Amino acid sequence: MLSQAASFVQSFSYQDRLPGKPIHDEQGTYDRPPQSDLSVWS
């Protein structure tokens, strides 16, 4: 099934977990969870 995974995916998108919240540190990693959620539609 892994070798055919692309044929099961119709579309995908990423959603920022904290939209509108500014990054407060020099790298943007301390005050935010992983940057985005991945959604996949089949």
C-alpha atoms as a PDB file:
ATOM      1  CA  MET A   1       0.000   0.000   0.000  1.00  0.00           C
ATOM      2  CA  LEU A   2       2.857   2.407   0.748  1.00  0.00           C
ATOM      3  CA  SER A   3       4.101   2.201  -2.826  1.00  0.00           C
ATOM      4  CA  GLN A   4       0.627   3.302  -4.038  1.00  0.00           C
ATOM      5  CA  ALA A   5       0.024   6.011  -1.410  1.00  0.00           C
ATOM      6  CA  ALA A   6       0.029   8.860  -3.937  1.00  0.00           C
ATOM      7  CA  SER A   7      -2.893   7.309  -5.793  1.00  0.00           C
ATOM      8  CA  PHE A   8      -5.043   7.519  -2.633  1.00  0.00           C
ATOM      9  CA  VAL A   9      -4.444  11.237  -2.014  1.00  0.00           C
ATOM     10  CA  GLN A  10      -6.704  13.669  -3.838  1.00  0.00           C
ATOM     11  CA  SER A  11      -5.348  16.800  -2.143  1.00  0.00           C
ATOM     12  CA  PHE A  12      -3.594  18.030   0.982  1.00  0.00           C
ATOM     13  CA  SER A  13      -3.045  21.283   2.848  1.00  0.00           C
ATOM     14  CA  TYR A  14      -1.253  22.705   5.860  1.00  0.00           C
ATOM     15  CA  GLN A  15      -2.990  24.806   8.550  1.00  0.00           C
ATOM     16  CA  ASP A  16      -1.030  27.062  10.928  1.00  0.00           C
ATOM     17  CA  ARG A  17      -1.850  26.038  14.511  1.00  0.00           C
ATOM     18  CA  LEU A  18      -1.558  29.597  15.811  1.00  0.00           C
ATOM     19  CA  PRO A  19      -2.687  31.855  12.979  1.00  0.00           C
ATOM     20  CA  GLY A  20      -2.174  35.523  13.701  1.00  0.00           C
ATOM     21  CA  LYS A  21       0.127  34.900  16.672  1.00  0.00           C
ATOM     22  CA  PRO A  22       3.455  36.620  16.072  1.00  0.00           C
ATOM     23  CA  ILE A  23       6.705  34.771  16.579  1.00  0.00           C
ATOM     24  CA  HIS A  24       8.444  36.212  19.667  1.00  0.00           C
ATOM     25  CA  ASP A  25      11.894  34.665  19.533  1.00  0.00           C
ATOM     26  CA  GLU A  26      14.732  34.753  17.025  1.00  0.00           C
ATOM     27  CA  GLN A  27      13.938  31.336  15.528  1.00  0.00           C
ATOM     28  CA  GLY A  28      10.202  31.072  16.171  1.00  0.00           C
ATOM     29  CA  THR A  29      10.493  27.713  17.876  1.00  0.00           C
ATOM     30  CA  TYR A  30      10.087  28.285  21.628  1.00  0.00           C
ATOM     31  CA  ASP A  31       6.594  29.768  21.874  1.00  0.00           C
ATOM     32  CA  ARG A  32       4.880  27.760  19.152  1.00  0.00           C
ATOM     33  CA  PRO A  33       3.975  24.103  18.771  1.00  0.00           C
ATOM     34  CA  PRO A  34       4.948  22.387  15.525  1.00  0.00           C
ATOM     35  CA  GLN A  35       4.076  24.968  12.899  1.00  0.00           C
ATOM     36  CA  SER A  36       1.191  23.312  11.114  1.00  0.00           C
ATOM     37  CA  ASP A  37      -1.274  20.460  10.861  1.00  0.00           C
ATOM     38  CA  LEU A  38      -1.349  18.355   7.714  1.00  0.00           C
ATOM     39  CA  SER A  39      -4.784  17.470   6.316  1.00  0.00           C
ATOM     40  CA  VAL A  40      -5.142  14.851   3.582  1.00  0.00           C
ATOM     41  CA  TRP A  41      -8.266  14.165   1.495  1.00  0.00           C
ATOM     42  CA  SER A  42      -8.820  11.035  -0.505  1.00  0.00           C
END
